[in-house]
Protein backbone atom coordinates (compact mmCIF):
# COMPACT_ATOMS: atom_id res chain seq x y z
CA UNK A 1 -14.36 -51.84 -33.96
CA UNK A 2 -13.47 -54.24 -31.03
CA UNK A 3 -10.54 -55.65 -33.11
CA UNK A 4 -9.37 -52.06 -33.47
CA UNK A 5 -9.97 -51.22 -29.77
CA UNK A 6 -8.06 -54.27 -28.53
CA UNK A 7 -5.19 -53.65 -30.94
CA UNK A 8 -4.82 -49.91 -29.91
CA UNK A 9 -4.79 -50.90 -26.31
CA UNK A 10 -1.77 -53.39 -27.17
CA UNK A 11 -3.80 -56.45 -26.32
CA UNK A 12 -3.04 -58.42 -29.73
CA UNK A 13 -4.25 -61.73 -28.24
CA UNK A 14 -7.67 -60.30 -27.55
CA UNK A 15 -7.73 -58.68 -31.04
CA UNK A 16 -6.85 -61.73 -32.68
CA UNK A 17 -9.33 -63.87 -30.80
CA UNK A 18 -12.09 -61.39 -31.73
CA UNK A 19 -11.01 -61.59 -35.25
CA UNK A 20 -10.95 -65.26 -35.43
CA UNK A 21 -14.45 -65.45 -34.05
CA UNK A 22 -16.11 -63.04 -36.59
CA UNK A 23 -18.49 -64.73 -38.68
CA UNK A 24 -17.64 -62.71 -41.77
CA UNK A 25 -14.62 -60.42 -42.23
CA UNK A 26 -14.62 -57.49 -44.52
CA UNK A 27 -11.61 -55.63 -45.83
CA UNK A 28 -11.94 -53.26 -42.79
CA UNK A 29 -11.45 -56.07 -40.35
CA UNK A 30 -8.61 -57.51 -42.24
CA UNK A 31 -7.07 -53.95 -42.19
CA UNK A 32 -7.40 -53.56 -38.60
CA UNK A 33 -5.76 -56.82 -37.65
CA UNK A 34 -3.00 -56.38 -40.24
CA UNK A 35 -2.43 -52.77 -39.03
CA UNK A 36 -2.39 -53.95 -35.41
CA UNK A 37 0.45 -56.36 -36.27
CA UNK A 38 2.56 -53.87 -38.11
CA UNK A 39 2.01 -51.22 -35.45
CA UNK A 40 3.53 -53.51 -32.88
CA UNK A 41 6.40 -54.54 -35.15
CA UNK A 42 5.17 -57.87 -36.02
CA UNK A 43 5.63 -57.60 -39.71
CA UNK A 44 5.95 -61.27 -40.47
CA UNK A 45 2.58 -62.05 -38.90
CA UNK A 46 1.14 -59.17 -40.69
CA UNK A 47 2.36 -60.65 -43.92
CA UNK A 48 1.01 -64.12 -42.92
CA UNK A 49 -2.39 -62.59 -42.35
CA UNK A 50 -2.14 -60.73 -45.64
CA UNK A 51 -1.67 -64.13 -47.35
CA UNK A 52 -4.53 -65.64 -45.48
CA UNK A 53 -6.76 -62.71 -46.47
CA UNK A 54 -5.94 -63.58 -50.16
CA UNK A 55 -6.55 -67.27 -49.75
CA UNK A 56 -9.92 -66.58 -48.26
CA UNK A 57 -10.87 -64.49 -51.26
CA UNK A 58 -11.02 -61.09 -49.68
CA UNK A 59 -9.76 -58.25 -51.90
CA UNK A 60 -7.22 -56.00 -50.36
CA UNK A 61 -7.38 -52.12 -50.87
CA UNK A 62 -4.91 -49.35 -50.74
CA UNK A 63 -4.92 -49.30 -46.93
CA UNK A 64 -4.05 -52.87 -46.82
CA UNK A 65 -1.13 -52.45 -49.03
CA UNK A 66 0.08 -49.20 -47.20
CA UNK A 67 -0.19 -51.37 -44.03
CA UNK A 68 2.13 -54.17 -45.34
CA UNK A 69 4.65 -51.84 -46.73
CA UNK A 70 4.97 -49.82 -43.59
């Protein structure tokens, strides 16, 4: 929830910091951070995060793909 709040307020640095310190990340947290990047026009960063998501074994869902393709 904090990642999403920071992202919506435009504070991507704080959102990323919260995301990085999460002990466990689920698909919702990954989607929040990926969506934050795409909503702010940082598509390359969103794609890199998507790749990291897959490397860490998280399974993307349809929201993930919609975020990446938007």
